[in-house]
C-alpha atoms as a PDB file:
ATOM      1  CA  MET A   1      15.222  12.516 -15.398  1.00  0.00           C
ATOM      2  CA  ARG A   2      15.481   9.713 -12.828  1.00  0.00           C
ATOM      3  CA  ILE A   3      12.073   9.306 -11.192  1.00  0.00           C
ATOM      4  CA  ALA A   4      11.283   6.982  -8.289  1.00  0.00           C
ATOM      5  CA  ILE A   5       7.627   5.985  -7.930  1.00  0.00           C
ATOM      6  CA  VAL A   6       6.599   4.288  -4.691  1.00  0.00           C
ATOM      7  CA  THR A   7       3.273   2.457  -4.916  1.00  0.00           C
ATOM      8  CA  ASP A   8       1.369  -0.114  -2.876  1.00  0.00           C
ATOM      9  CA  ALA A   9      -0.806  -0.817  -5.930  1.00  0.00           C
ATOM     10  CA  TRP A  10       1.020  -2.743  -8.638  1.00  0.00           C
ATOM     11  CA  HIS A  11       0.853  -5.869 -10.777  1.00  0.00           C
ATOM     12  CA  PRO A  12      -0.816  -8.339 -10.649  1.00  0.00           C
ATOM     13  CA  GLN A  13      -3.522  -6.037  -9.265  1.00  0.00           C
ATOM     14  CA  VAL A  14      -5.931  -4.696 -11.878  1.00  0.00           C
ATOM     15  CA  ASN A  15      -7.301  -1.303 -10.931  1.00  0.00           C
ATOM     16  CA  GLY A  16      -7.234   2.316 -11.979  1.00  0.00           C
ATOM     17  CA  VAL A  17      -4.100   3.149 -10.007  1.00  0.00           C
ATOM     18  CA  VAL A  18      -2.048   0.372 -11.617  1.00  0.00           C
ATOM     19  CA  ARG A  19      -3.336   1.117 -15.096  1.00  0.00           C
ATOM     20  CA  THR A  20      -2.656   4.837 -14.706  1.00  0.00           C
ATOM     21  CA  LEU A  21       0.891   4.313 -13.434  1.00  0.00           C
ATOM     22  CA  ASP A  22       1.565   1.708 -16.121  1.00  0.00           C
ATOM     23  CA  ALA A  23       0.441   4.009 -18.921  1.00  0.00           C
ATOM     24  CA  VAL A  24       2.275   7.082 -17.648  1.00  0.00           C
ATOM     25  CA  ILE A  25       5.471   5.130 -16.933  1.00  0.00           C
ATOM     26  CA  GLY A  26       5.336   3.769 -20.484  1.00  0.00           C
ATOM     27  CA  GLU A  27       5.035   7.308 -21.842  1.00  0.00           C
ATOM     28  CA  LEU A  28       7.909   8.558 -19.680  1.00  0.00           C
ATOM     29  CA  ARG A  29      10.249   5.703 -20.550  1.00  0.00           C
ATOM     30  CA  GLY A  30       9.483   6.268 -24.205  1.00  0.00           C
ATOM     31  CA  ARG A  31      10.800   9.808 -23.770  1.00  0.00           C
ATOM     32  CA  GLY A  32      14.038   8.611 -22.210  1.00  0.00           C
ATOM     33  CA  HIS A  33      13.232   9.076 -18.501  1.00  0.00           C
ATOM     34  CA  GLU A  34      14.542   6.450 -16.075  1.00  0.00           C
ATOM     35  CA  ILE A  35      11.808   5.131 -13.791  1.00  0.00           C
ATOM     36  CA  GLU A  36      12.257   2.994 -10.671  1.00  0.00           C
ATOM     37  CA  VAL A  37       9.038   1.457  -9.318  1.00  0.00           C
ATOM     38  CA  ILE A  38       9.186   0.474  -5.643  1.00  0.00           C
ATOM     39  CA  SER A  39       6.249  -1.895  -5.219  1.00  0.00           C
ATOM     40  CA  PRO A  40       5.026  -4.748  -2.970  1.00  0.00           C
ATOM     41  CA  ASP A  41       6.562  -7.491  -5.135  1.00  0.00           C
ATOM     42  CA  LEU A  42      10.023  -6.351  -3.981  1.00  0.00           C
ATOM     43  CA  PHE A  43       9.331  -7.202  -0.317  1.00  0.00           C
ATOM     44  CA  PRO A  44       7.729  -9.925   1.811  1.00  0.00           C
ATOM     45  CA  SER A  45       4.005  -9.244   1.984  1.00  0.00           C
ATOM     46  CA  VAL A  46       0.711 -10.381   3.511  1.00  0.00           C
ATOM     47  CA  PRO A  47      -2.799 -10.317   2.016  1.00  0.00           C
ATOM     48  CA  ALA A  48      -4.934  -7.302   2.891  1.00  0.00           C
ATOM     49  CA  PRO A  49      -7.783  -8.108   5.308  1.00  0.00           C
ATOM     50  CA  SER A  50     -11.010  -8.799   3.370  1.00  0.00           C
ATOM     51  CA  TYR A  51      -9.168  -8.252   0.067  1.00  0.00           C
ATOM     52  CA  PRO A  52      -6.562 -11.021  -0.414  1.00  0.00           C
ATOM     53  CA  GLU A  53      -5.823  -9.994  -4.005  1.00  0.00           C
ATOM     54  CA  ILE A  54      -4.038  -6.950  -2.587  1.00  0.00           C
ATOM     55  CA  ARG A  55      -0.676  -7.628  -0.933  1.00  0.00           C
ATOM     56  CA  LEU A  56       0.584  -5.369   1.858  1.00  0.00           C
ATOM     57  CA  ALA A  57       4.366  -5.050   1.836  1.00  0.00           C
ATOM     58  CA  LEU A  58       6.259  -5.755   5.043  1.00  0.00           C
ATOM     59  CA  ALA A  59       8.825  -3.011   4.541  1.00  0.00           C
ATOM     60  CA  GLY A  60       9.965  -0.209   6.798  1.00  0.00           C
ATOM     61  CA  ARG A  61      11.724   3.085   6.226  1.00  0.00           C
ATOM     62  CA  ARG A  62      15.177   1.510   5.931  1.00  0.00           C
ATOM     63  CA  GLY A  63      14.139  -1.095   3.350  1.00  0.00           C
ATOM     64  CA  VAL A  64      12.402   1.455   1.143  1.00  0.00           C
ATOM     65  CA  GLY A  65      15.122   4.032   1.796  1.00  0.00           C
ATOM     66  CA  ALA A  66      17.856   1.632   0.702  1.00  0.00           C
ATOM     67  CA  ARG A  67      16.178   1.189  -2.678  1.00  0.00           C
ATOM     68  CA  LEU A  68      15.675   4.930  -3.077  1.00  0.00           C
ATOM     69  CA  ALA A  69      19.311   5.613  -2.185  1.00  0.00           C
ATOM     70  CA  ALA A  70      20.561   2.962  -4.623  1.00  0.00           C
ATOM     71  CA  PHE A  71      18.573   4.518  -7.460  1.00  0.00           C
ATOM     72  CA  ALA A  72      19.503   8.130  -6.554  1.00  0.00           C
ATOM     73  CA  PRO A  73      16.371   9.710  -8.078  1.00  0.00           C
ATOM     74  CA  GLY A  74      15.995  13.265  -9.254  1.00  0.00           C
ATOM     75  CA  SER A  75      12.364  13.226  -8.082  1.00  0.00           C
ATOM     76  CA  ILE A  76      10.339  10.999  -5.759  1.00  0.00           C
ATOM     77  CA  HIS A  77       6.616  10.400  -6.165  1.00  0.00           C
ATOM     78  CA  ILE A  78       4.619   8.502  -3.535  1.00  0.00           C
ATOM     79  CA  ALA A  79       1.495   7.201  -5.256  1.00  0.00           C
ATOM     80  CA  THR A  80      -0.439   5.520  -2.435  1.00  0.00           C
ATOM     81  CA  GLU A  81      -1.171   5.835   1.268  1.00  0.00           C
ATOM     82  CA  GLY A  82      -0.313   2.176   2.054  1.00  0.00           C
ATOM     83  CA  PRO A  83       2.629   0.655   3.969  1.00  0.00           C
ATOM     84  CA  LEU A  84       5.184   1.466   1.260  1.00  0.00           C
ATOM     85  CA  GLY A  85       3.846   4.998   0.952  1.00  0.00           C
ATOM     86  CA  TRP A  86       4.175   5.619   4.678  1.00  0.00           C
ATOM     87  CA  ALA A  87       7.668   4.095   4.738  1.00  0.00           C
ATOM     88  CA  ALA A  88       8.825   6.264   1.841  1.00  0.00           C
ATOM     89  CA  ARG A  89       7.269   9.326   3.461  1.00  0.00           C
ATOM     90  CA  ARG A  90       9.163   8.690   6.704  1.00  0.00           C
ATOM     91  CA  HIS A  91      12.417   8.198   4.811  1.00  0.00           C
ATOM     92  CA  CYS A  92      11.998  11.407   2.816  1.00  0.00           C
ATOM     93  CA  ILE A  93      11.169  13.458   5.901  1.00  0.00           C
ATOM     94  CA  ALA A  94      14.116  12.011   7.849  1.00  0.00           C
ATOM     95  CA  ASN A  95      16.484  12.846   4.996  1.00  0.00           C
ATOM     96  CA  SER A  96      14.994  16.237   4.044  1.00  0.00           C
ATOM     97  CA  LEU A  97      14.059  14.946   0.588  1.00  0.00           C
ATOM     98  CA  PRO A  98      11.157  16.653  -1.201  1.00  0.00           C
ATOM     99  CA  PHE A  99       8.454  14.423  -2.667  1.00  0.00           C
ATOM    100  CA  THR A 100       5.018  14.534  -4.246  1.00  0.00           C
ATOM    101  CA  THR A 101       1.973  12.406  -3.523  1.00  0.00           C
ATOM    102  CA  ALA A 102      -1.267  11.586  -5.334  1.00  0.00           C
ATOM    103  CA  TYR A 103      -4.847  11.103  -4.228  1.00  0.00           C
ATOM    104  CA  HIS A 104      -6.008   8.160  -6.337  1.00  0.00           C
ATOM    105  CA  THR A 105      -8.438   6.516  -3.948  1.00  0.00           C
ATOM    106  CA  GLN A 106     -11.296   7.788  -1.803  1.00  0.00           C
ATOM    107  CA  PHE A 107      -9.782   6.133   1.249  1.00  0.00           C
ATOM    108  CA  PRO A 108     -12.238   7.653   3.772  1.00  0.00           C
ATOM    109  CA  ASP A 109     -15.216   6.308   1.826  1.00  0.00           C
ATOM    110  CA  TYR A 110     -13.586   2.923   1.174  1.00  0.00           C
ATOM    111  CA  VAL A 111     -12.721   2.408   4.826  1.00  0.00           C
ATOM    112  CA  SER A 112     -16.210   3.503   5.819  1.00  0.00           C
ATOM    113  CA  ARG A 113     -17.845   0.996   3.458  1.00  0.00           C
ATOM    114  CA  ARG A 114     -15.649  -1.843   4.726  1.00  0.00           C
ATOM    115  CA  THR A 115     -15.621  -1.095   8.467  1.00  0.00           C
ATOM    116  CA  GLY A 116     -18.696   1.006   9.215  1.00  0.00           C
ATOM    117  CA  LEU A 117     -16.521   3.795  10.636  1.00  0.00           C
ATOM    118  CA  PRO A 118     -17.569   7.333   9.672  1.00  0.00           C
ATOM    119  CA  ALA A 119     -15.508   8.677   6.775  1.00  0.00           C
ATOM    120  CA  GLY A 120     -14.791  11.767   8.863  1.00  0.00           C
ATOM    121  CA  CYS A 121     -12.596   9.667  11.156  1.00  0.00           C
ATOM    122  CA  ILE A 122     -10.196   8.928   8.279  1.00  0.00           C
ATOM    123  CA  TRP A 123      -9.658  12.456   6.936  1.00  0.00           C
ATOM    124  CA  PRO A 124      -7.167  13.426   9.708  1.00  0.00           C
ATOM    125  CA  VAL A 125      -5.010  10.455   8.644  1.00  0.00           C
ATOM    126  CA  MET A 126      -5.159  11.618   5.031  1.00  0.00           C
ATOM    127  CA  ARG A 127      -4.164  15.151   6.072  1.00  0.00           C
ATOM    128  CA  ARG A 128      -1.210  13.839   8.034  1.00  0.00           C
ATOM    129  CA  PHE A 129      -0.006  11.640   5.175  1.00  0.00           C
ATOM    130  CA  HIS A 130      -0.115  14.339   2.492  1.00  0.00           C
ATOM    131  CA  ALA A 131       0.890  17.357   4.604  1.00  0.00           C
ATOM    132  CA  PRO A 132       4.682  17.147   3.941  1.00  0.00           C
ATOM    133  CA  ALA A 133       4.261  16.708   0.177  1.00  0.00           C
ATOM    134  CA  ALA A 134       5.437  19.485  -2.130  1.00  0.00           C
ATOM    135  CA  ARG A 135       2.275  18.871  -4.167  1.00  0.00           C
ATOM    136  CA  VAL A 136      -0.660  16.452  -4.091  1.00  0.00           C
ATOM    137  CA  MET A 137      -1.665  15.295  -7.570  1.00  0.00           C
ATOM    138  CA  VAL A 138      -5.404  15.003  -8.163  1.00  0.00           C
ATOM    139  CA  ALA A 139      -7.365  13.949 -11.233  1.00  0.00           C
ATOM    140  CA  THR A 140     -10.499  16.102 -11.145  1.00  0.00           C
ATOM    141  CA  GLU A 141     -11.793  19.472  -9.996  1.00  0.00           C
ATOM    142  CA  THR A 142     -14.516  17.892  -7.852  1.00  0.00           C
ATOM    143  CA  ILE A 143     -11.970  15.868  -5.873  1.00  0.00           C
ATOM    144  CA  ALA A 144      -9.709  18.933  -5.664  1.00  0.00           C
ATOM    145  CA  GLN A 145     -12.536  20.868  -4.037  1.00  0.00           C
ATOM    146  CA  GLN A 146     -13.113  18.024  -1.583  1.00  0.00           C
ATOM    147  CA  LEU A 147      -9.433  17.867  -0.666  1.00  0.00           C
ATOM    148  CA  SER A 148      -9.258  21.640  -0.239  1.00  0.00           C
ATOM    149  CA  ALA A 149     -12.276  21.504   2.040  1.00  0.00           C
ATOM    150  CA  ASN A 150     -10.395  18.941   4.140  1.00  0.00           C
ATOM    151  CA  ARG A 151      -7.266  21.129   4.220  1.00  0.00           C
ATOM    152  CA  ILE A 152      -5.141  18.940   1.934  1.00  0.00           C
ATOM    153  CA  GLY A 153      -2.812  20.659  -0.537  1.00  0.00           C
ATOM    154  CA  PRO A 154      -1.181  22.295  -2.406  1.00  0.00           C
ATOM    155  CA  LEU A 155      -2.878  20.508  -5.292  1.00  0.00           C
ATOM    156  CA  HIS A 156      -1.731  19.802  -8.840  1.00  0.00           C
ATOM    157  CA  HIS A 157      -4.006  18.659 -11.666  1.00  0.00           C
ATOM    158  CA  TRP A 158      -3.081  15.262 -13.142  1.00  0.00           C
ATOM    159  CA  SER A 159      -5.715  13.865 -15.489  1.00  0.00           C
ATOM    160  CA  ARG A 160      -5.981  10.458 -17.157  1.00  0.00           C
ATOM    161  CA  GLY A 161      -5.820   9.124 -20.698  1.00  0.00           C
ATOM    162  CA  VAL A 162      -6.992   6.353 -22.973  1.00  0.00           C
ATOM    163  CA  ASP A 163      -5.111   4.192 -25.475  1.00  0.00           C
ATOM    164  CA  THR A 164      -7.091   4.812 -28.642  1.00  0.00           C
ATOM    165  CA  ALA A 165      -5.057   2.203 -30.526  1.00  0.00           C
ATOM    166  CA  ILE A 166      -6.862  -0.394 -28.389  1.00  0.00           C
ATOM    167  CA  PHE A 167     -10.070   1.317 -27.319  1.00  0.00           C
ATOM    168  CA  HIS A 168     -12.088   2.222 -30.422  1.00  0.00           C
ATOM    169  CA  PRO A 169     -15.520   1.260 -31.824  1.00  0.00           C
ATOM    170  CA  ASP A 170     -14.315  -0.890 -34.734  1.00  0.00           C
ATOM    171  CA  HIS A 171     -14.010  -4.117 -32.734  1.00  0.00           C
ATOM    172  CA  LEU A 172     -16.366  -7.023 -33.301  1.00  0.00           C
ATOM    173  CA  PRO A 173     -18.514  -7.736 -30.229  1.00  0.00           C
ATOM    174  CA  PRO A 174     -17.699 -10.841 -28.156  1.00  0.00           C
ATOM    175  CA  GLU A 175     -19.495 -13.885 -29.527  1.00  0.00           C
ATOM    176  CA  PHE A 176     -21.583 -14.372 -26.396  1.00  0.00           C
ATOM    177  CA  TYR A 177     -23.145 -10.922 -26.915  1.00  0.00           C
ATOM    178  CA  PHE A 178     -25.077 -12.213 -29.942  1.00  0.00           C
ATOM    179  CA  SER A 179     -27.203 -14.484 -27.750  1.00  0.00           C
ATOM    180  CA  LEU A 180     -28.045 -11.829 -25.152  1.00  0.00           C
ATOM    181  CA  PRO A 181     -31.263  -9.806 -25.009  1.00  0.00           C
ATOM    182  CA  ARG A 182     -30.658  -6.157 -25.837  1.00  0.00           C
ATOM    183  CA  PRO A 183     -29.826  -3.623 -24.600  1.00  0.00           C
ATOM    184  CA  ILE A 184     -26.531  -4.916 -23.216  1.00  0.00           C
ATOM    185  CA  GLN A 185     -25.615  -2.956 -20.085  1.00  0.00           C
ATOM    186  CA  LEU A 186     -21.935  -3.299 -19.172  1.00  0.00           C
ATOM    187  CA  TYR A 187     -19.895  -2.763 -16.017  1.00  0.00           C
ATOM    188  CA  VAL A 188     -16.087  -3.043 -15.990  1.00  0.00           C
ATOM    189  CA  GLY A 189     -14.002  -2.848 -12.850  1.00  0.00           C
ATOM    190  CA  ARG A 190     -13.328  -4.413  -9.490  1.00  0.00           C
ATOM    191  CA  VAL A 191     -16.112  -6.540  -8.093  1.00  0.00           C
ATOM    192  CA  ALA A 192     -15.953  -5.138  -4.591  1.00  0.00           C
ATOM    193  CA  VAL A 193     -18.284  -3.598  -2.048  1.00  0.00           C
ATOM    194  CA  GLU A 194     -17.050  -0.037  -2.566  1.00  0.00           C
ATOM    195  CA  LYS A 195     -18.059  -0.128  -6.261  1.00  0.00           C
ATOM    196  CA  ASN A 196     -21.791  -0.168  -5.397  1.00  0.00           C
ATOM    197  CA  LEU A 197     -22.482  -2.921  -7.945  1.00  0.00           C
ATOM    198  CA  GLU A 198     -25.758  -3.872  -6.286  1.00  0.00           C
ATOM    199  CA  ALA A 199     -27.237  -0.629  -7.602  1.00  0.00           C
ATOM    200  CA  PHE A 200     -26.473  -1.749 -11.157  1.00  0.00           C
ATOM    201  CA  LEU A 201     -27.331  -5.416 -10.742  1.00  0.00           C
ATOM    202  CA  GLY A 202     -30.590  -4.571  -8.981  1.00  0.00           C
ATOM    203  CA  SER A 203     -31.701  -2.003 -11.553  1.00  0.00           C
ATOM    204  CA  ALA A 204     -34.947  -2.738 -13.357  1.00  0.00           C
ATOM    205  CA  HIS A 205     -34.149  -1.723 -16.934  1.00  0.00           C
ATOM    206  CA  PRO A 206     -34.789  -4.639 -19.312  1.00  0.00           C
ATOM    207  CA  GLY A 207     -31.991  -6.267 -21.279  1.00  0.00           C
ATOM    208  CA  SER A 208     -28.782  -7.983 -20.151  1.00  0.00           C
ATOM    209  CA  LYS A 209     -26.345  -7.012 -17.422  1.00  0.00           C
ATOM    210  CA  VAL A 210     -22.693  -7.948 -18.083  1.00  0.00           C
ATOM    211  CA  VAL A 211     -19.944  -7.637 -15.456  1.00  0.00           C
ATOM    212  CA  VAL A 212     -16.284  -7.739 -16.525  1.00  0.00           C
ATOM    213  CA  GLY A 213     -13.808  -7.889 -13.668  1.00  0.00           C
ATOM    214  CA  ASP A 214     -12.749  -9.793 -10.594  1.00  0.00           C
ATOM    215  CA  GLY A 215     -12.703  -9.099  -6.886  1.00  0.00           C
ATOM    216  CA  PRO A 216     -13.655 -10.243  -3.394  1.00  0.00           C
ATOM    217  CA  ALA A 217     -17.417  -9.811  -3.914  1.00  0.00           C
ATOM    218  CA  LEU A 218     -17.584 -11.880  -7.119  1.00  0.00           C
ATOM    219  CA  GLU A 219     -18.792 -15.122  -5.562  1.00  0.00           C
ATOM    220  CA  LYS A 220     -21.418 -13.408  -3.436  1.00  0.00           C
ATOM    221  CA  LEU A 221     -22.814 -11.213  -6.199  1.00  0.00           C
ATOM    222  CA  SER A 222     -22.856 -13.938  -8.848  1.00  0.00           C
ATOM    223  CA  ALA A 223     -24.937 -16.073  -6.485  1.00  0.00           C
ATOM    224  CA  GLN A 224     -27.175 -13.157  -5.542  1.00  0.00           C
ATOM    225  CA  TYR A 225     -27.802 -12.083  -9.161  1.00  0.00           C
ATOM    226  CA  PRO A 226     -27.934 -15.288 -11.260  1.00  0.00           C
ATOM    227  CA  ASP A 227     -29.448 -13.487 -14.260  1.00  0.00           C
ATOM    228  CA  ALA A 228     -26.358 -11.295 -14.707  1.00  0.00           C
ATOM    229  CA  TYR A 229     -23.373 -12.416 -16.772  1.00  0.00           C
ATOM    230  CA  PHE A 230     -20.093 -12.389 -14.828  1.00  0.00           C
ATOM    231  CA  MET A 231     -17.281 -12.689 -17.356  1.00  0.00           C
ATOM    232  CA  GLY A 232     -14.218 -12.372 -15.113  1.00  0.00           C
ATOM    233  CA  ARG A 233     -11.150 -10.330 -15.950  1.00  0.00           C
ATOM    234  CA  ARG A 234     -10.488  -9.207 -19.541  1.00  0.00           C
ATOM    235  CA  THR A 235      -7.769  -6.927 -20.880  1.00  0.00           C
ATOM    236  CA  GLY A 236      -6.574  -5.391 -24.127  1.00  0.00           C
ATOM    237  CA  GLU A 237      -8.570  -6.168 -27.255  1.00  0.00           C
ATOM    238  CA  ALA A 238     -10.834  -8.623 -25.421  1.00  0.00           C
ATOM    239  CA  LEU A 239     -11.865  -5.830 -23.060  1.00  0.00           C
ATOM    240  CA  ALA A 240     -12.269  -3.329 -25.910  1.00  0.00           C
ATOM    241  CA  ARG A 241     -14.635  -5.739 -27.676  1.00  0.00           C
ATOM    242  CA  CYS A 242     -16.803  -5.837 -24.554  1.00  0.00           C
ATOM    243  CA  TYR A 243     -16.984  -2.036 -24.486  1.00  0.00           C
ATOM    244  CA  ALA A 244     -17.605  -1.618 -28.211  1.00  0.00           C
ATOM    245  CA  GLY A 245     -20.376  -4.212 -28.358  1.00  0.00           C
ATOM    246  CA  ALA A 246     -22.329  -2.896 -25.352  1.00  0.00           C
ATOM    247  CA  ASP A 247     -25.283  -0.529 -25.692  1.00  0.00           C
ATOM    248  CA  VAL A 248     -24.539   1.413 -22.508  1.00  0.00           C
ATOM    249  CA  PHE A 249     -21.782   1.467 -19.925  1.00  0.00           C
ATOM    250  CA  VAL A 250     -23.054   1.676 -16.347  1.00  0.00           C
ATOM    251  CA  PHE A 251     -20.809   3.231 -13.703  1.00  0.00           C
ATOM    252  CA  PRO A 252     -22.542   2.805 -10.310  1.00  0.00           C
ATOM    253  CA  SER A 253     -19.596   3.790  -8.090  1.00  0.00           C
ATOM    254  CA  ARG A 254     -19.967   6.729  -5.724  1.00  0.00           C
ATOM    255  CA  THR A 255     -16.401   6.555  -4.408  1.00  0.00           C
ATOM    256  CA  ASP A 256     -14.054   6.848  -7.425  1.00  0.00           C
ATOM    257  CA  THR A 257     -11.765   9.818  -7.950  1.00  0.00           C
ATOM    258  CA  PHE A 258     -11.938   9.600 -11.758  1.00  0.00           C
ATOM    259  CA  GLY A 259     -13.253   6.403 -13.361  1.00  0.00           C
ATOM    260  CA  LEU A 260     -10.787   5.419 -16.080  1.00  0.00           C
ATOM    261  CA  VAL A 261     -13.225   2.824 -17.411  1.00  0.00           C
ATOM    262  CA  MET A 262     -15.670   5.570 -18.393  1.00  0.00           C
ATOM    263  CA  ILE A 263     -13.310   7.164 -20.910  1.00  0.00           C
ATOM    264  CA  GLU A 264     -12.356   3.727 -22.263  1.00  0.00           C
ATOM    265  CA  ALA A 265     -16.050   3.040 -22.871  1.00  0.00           C
ATOM    266  CA  LEU A 266     -16.509   6.445 -24.507  1.00  0.00           C
ATOM    267  CA  ALA A 267     -13.506   5.908 -26.795  1.00  0.00           C
ATOM    268  CA  CYS A 268     -15.273   2.725 -27.955  1.00  0.00           C
ATOM    269  CA  GLY A 269     -18.401   4.768 -28.731  1.00  0.00           C
ATOM    270  CA  THR A 270     -20.428   3.555 -25.752  1.00  0.00           C
ATOM    271  CA  PRO A 271     -22.440   6.111 -23.744  1.00  0.00           C
ATOM    272  CA  VAL A 272     -22.294   6.132 -19.937  1.00  0.00           C
ATOM    273  CA  ALA A 273     -24.953   6.059 -17.232  1.00  0.00           C
ATOM    274  CA  ALA A 274     -23.842   7.103 -13.752  1.00  0.00           C
ATOM    275  CA  TYR A 275     -24.703   8.893 -10.539  1.00  0.00           C
ATOM    276  CA  PRO A 276     -24.000  12.656 -10.338  1.00  0.00           C
ATOM    277  CA  VAL A 277     -20.914  12.265  -8.133  1.00  0.00           C
ATOM    278  CA  ALA A 278     -17.155  12.934  -8.293  1.00  0.00           C
ATOM    279  CA  GLY A 279     -15.692  11.278 -11.362  1.00  0.00           C
ATOM    280  CA  PRO A 280     -18.747  11.298 -13.626  1.00  0.00           C
ATOM    281  CA  LEU A 281     -19.360  14.992 -12.906  1.00  0.00           C
ATOM    282  CA  ASP A 282     -15.867  15.783 -14.171  1.00  0.00           C
ATOM    283  CA  VAL A 283     -15.678  13.335 -17.103  1.00  0.00           C
ATOM    284  CA  LEU A 284     -19.163  13.340 -18.599  1.00  0.00           C
ATOM    285  CA  ASP A 285     -21.332  15.929 -20.277  1.00  0.00           C
ATOM    286  CA  SER A 286     -24.851  15.658 -21.653  1.00  0.00           C
ATOM    287  CA  GLU A 287     -23.593  14.516 -25.071  1.00  0.00           C
ATOM    288  CA  CYS A 288     -21.777  11.389 -23.845  1.00  0.00           C
ATOM    289  CA  GLY A 289     -23.396  10.432 -20.554  1.00  0.00           C
ATOM    290  CA  VAL A 290     -26.415  10.757 -18.330  1.00  0.00           C
ATOM    291  CA  MET A 291     -26.147  11.279 -14.578  1.00  0.00           C
ATOM    292  CA  ASP A 292     -29.163  10.757 -12.386  1.00  0.00           C
ATOM    293  CA  GLU A 293     -29.843   9.624  -8.828  1.00  0.00           C
ATOM    294  CA  ASP A 294     -32.301   7.216 -10.484  1.00  0.00           C
ATOM    295  CA  LEU A 295     -29.877   4.825 -12.196  1.00  0.00           C
ATOM    296  CA  ASP A 296     -32.663   3.242 -14.264  1.00  0.00           C
ATOM    297  CA  ALA A 297     -33.539   6.663 -15.655  1.00  0.00           C
ATOM    298  CA  ALA A 298     -29.876   7.326 -16.447  1.00  0.00           C
ATOM    299  CA  ILE A 299     -29.578   4.020 -18.314  1.00  0.00           C
ATOM    300  CA  ALA A 300     -32.767   4.635 -20.318  1.00  0.00           C
ATOM    301  CA  SER A 301     -31.659   8.124 -21.385  1.00  0.00           C
ATOM    302  CA  ALA A 302     -28.032   7.189 -22.126  1.00  0.00           C
ATOM    303  CA  LEU A 303     -29.188   4.602 -24.668  1.00  0.00           C
ATOM    304  CA  HIS A 304     -30.325   7.452 -26.938  1.00  0.00           C
ATOM    305  CA  LEU A 305     -26.992   9.305 -27.057  1.00  0.00           C
ATOM    306  CA  ASP A 306     -24.968   9.520 -30.270  1.00  0.00           C
ATOM    307  CA  ARG A 307     -22.137   6.987 -30.276  1.00  0.00           C
ATOM    308  CA  ARG A 308     -19.952   9.000 -32.661  1.00  0.00           C
ATOM    309  CA  THR A 309     -20.007  11.934 -30.261  1.00  0.00           C
ATOM    310  CA  CYS A 310     -19.122   9.608 -27.390  1.00  0.00           C
ATOM    311  CA  ARG A 311     -16.101   8.401 -29.340  1.00  0.00           C
ATOM    312  CA  GLN A 312     -14.904  11.941 -30.049  1.00  0.00           C
ATOM    313  CA  ILE A 313     -15.126  12.896 -26.386  1.00  0.00           C
ATOM    314  CA  GLY A 314     -13.355   9.729 -25.261  1.00  0.00           C
ATOM    315  CA  ARG A 315     -10.511  10.335 -27.711  1.00  0.00           C
ATOM    316  CA  GLY A 316      -9.932  13.732 -26.114  1.00  0.00           C
ATOM    317  CA  PHE A 317      -8.183  12.092 -23.151  1.00  0.00           C
ATOM    318  CA  SER A 318      -4.516  11.419 -23.871  1.00  0.00           C
ATOM    319  CA  TRP A 319      -1.819   9.567 -21.926  1.00  0.00           C
ATOM    320  CA  SER A 320       0.727  11.898 -23.490  1.00  0.00           C
ATOM    321  CA  ALA A 321      -1.021  14.901 -21.919  1.00  0.00           C
ATOM    322  CA  SER A 322      -1.341  12.993 -18.642  1.00  0.00           C
ATOM    323  CA  ALA A 323       2.408  12.302 -18.624  1.00  0.00           C
ATOM    324  CA  ASN A 324       3.101  15.999 -19.268  1.00  0.00           C
ATOM    325  CA  GLN A 325       0.964  16.948 -16.281  1.00  0.00           C
ATOM    326  CA  PHE A 326       2.702  14.384 -14.093  1.00  0.00           C
ATOM    327  CA  LEU A 327       6.149  15.680 -15.035  1.00  0.00           C
ATOM    328  CA  ALA A 328       5.077  19.270 -14.382  1.00  0.00           C
ATOM    329  CA  GLY A 329       3.955  18.328 -10.874  1.00  0.00           C
ATOM    330  CA  LEU A 330       7.162  16.619  -9.738  1.00  0.00           C
ATOM    331  CA  GLU A 331       9.467  18.310  -7.233  1.00  0.00           C
ATOM    332  CA  PRO A 332      13.191  18.093  -8.122  1.00  0.00           C
ATOM    333  CA  ILE A 333      15.661  16.917  -5.526  1.00  0.00           C
ATOM    334  CA  GLY A 334      18.447  19.488  -5.314  1.00  0.00           C
ATOM    335  CA  ALA A 335      22.059  18.484  -5.868  1.00  0.00           C
ATOM    336  CA  ALA A 336      22.927  19.141  -2.222  1.00  0.00           C
ATOM    337  CA  GLN A 337      20.012  17.035  -1.011  1.00  0.00           C
ATOM    338  CA  SER A 338      20.890  14.219  -3.396  1.00  0.00           C
ATOM    339  CA  ALA A 339      24.525  14.164  -2.281  1.00  0.00           C
ATOM    340  CA  ARG A 340      23.442  14.130   1.351  1.00  0.00           C
ATOM    341  CA  HIS A 341      20.915  11.328   0.837  1.00  0.00           C
ATOM    342  CA  PRO A 342      23.159   8.193   1.115  1.00  0.00           C
ATOM    343  CA  ARG A 343      24.932   9.482   4.237  1.00  0.00           C
ATOM    344  CA  LEU A 344      21.624  10.164   5.945  1.00  0.00           C
ATOM    345  CA  LEU A 345      20.266   6.726   5.100  1.00  0.00           C
ATOM    346  CA  SER A 346      21.618   5.238   8.324  1.00  0.00           C
ATOM    347  CA  ALA A 347      20.652   8.205  10.475  1.00  0.00           C
END
């Protein structure tokens, strides 16, 4: 199958959307599918306000449509609600091409945290964006319920996976761990306001707090919390060593739709402490994580969980299964629509 994926989140960004698309695309290409990624690096772009690491593509319907027409896909998936996503949506509607979308990011909550606007003001925009989609792919039941309550659908379940060849408990800890007071409490992810890192960094549980990741709040938080260890971005085996050597993984976010880093930590045998919100509620159970509105209490309890059980639960998430779910959710473009597509490009 020829599959076009339009995404505003792509390399060199490091986030759950990019890592999910990367892993699933790798699975699909390994099965012989042809994938065309239409991403910001293909167009002139500008930095996103307050988040310069993210580039916003300066591309309209015709620019995105030309690339879609040249590839002649059998299915079109629009992954994000950014400029490229809107441009692709307009092109598909104008040319009567079916497409699917995904809800990766809690946009209403993110915008609210960054602007002070009520999240309720953003939901009508989300409804408008996703309304023409044949299906909206969603990672968890909790988020599906939220989307249904906001009249977004029809929905299709698309879970996440973990690469157990990389993320496993047999790695040696990073050398700097040996000099840290235990327990080592680890966070991995973007260092940004929407991740609620202050809740973790301000927690009172004794030991060492380690932050792996980069983002616009790094300078501010590293100055505000000088006793924490900010290690910057790490990937692959270096990241797996950080997970495997930690005593507990702390996930303070209240705005994630899944939390890929949680299952990576679990696959490395590291239990998770989190708030009882979307993402953790769907990924964790009492054998591999503790959820509590008191994050200190969650950390203290999670430290007593069995690491072998955590590993078994983490290994239950597969990118192969995720790719199967993605394929099942796609909407084929009919032969008549495909033949009509190039002629309608200039309409």
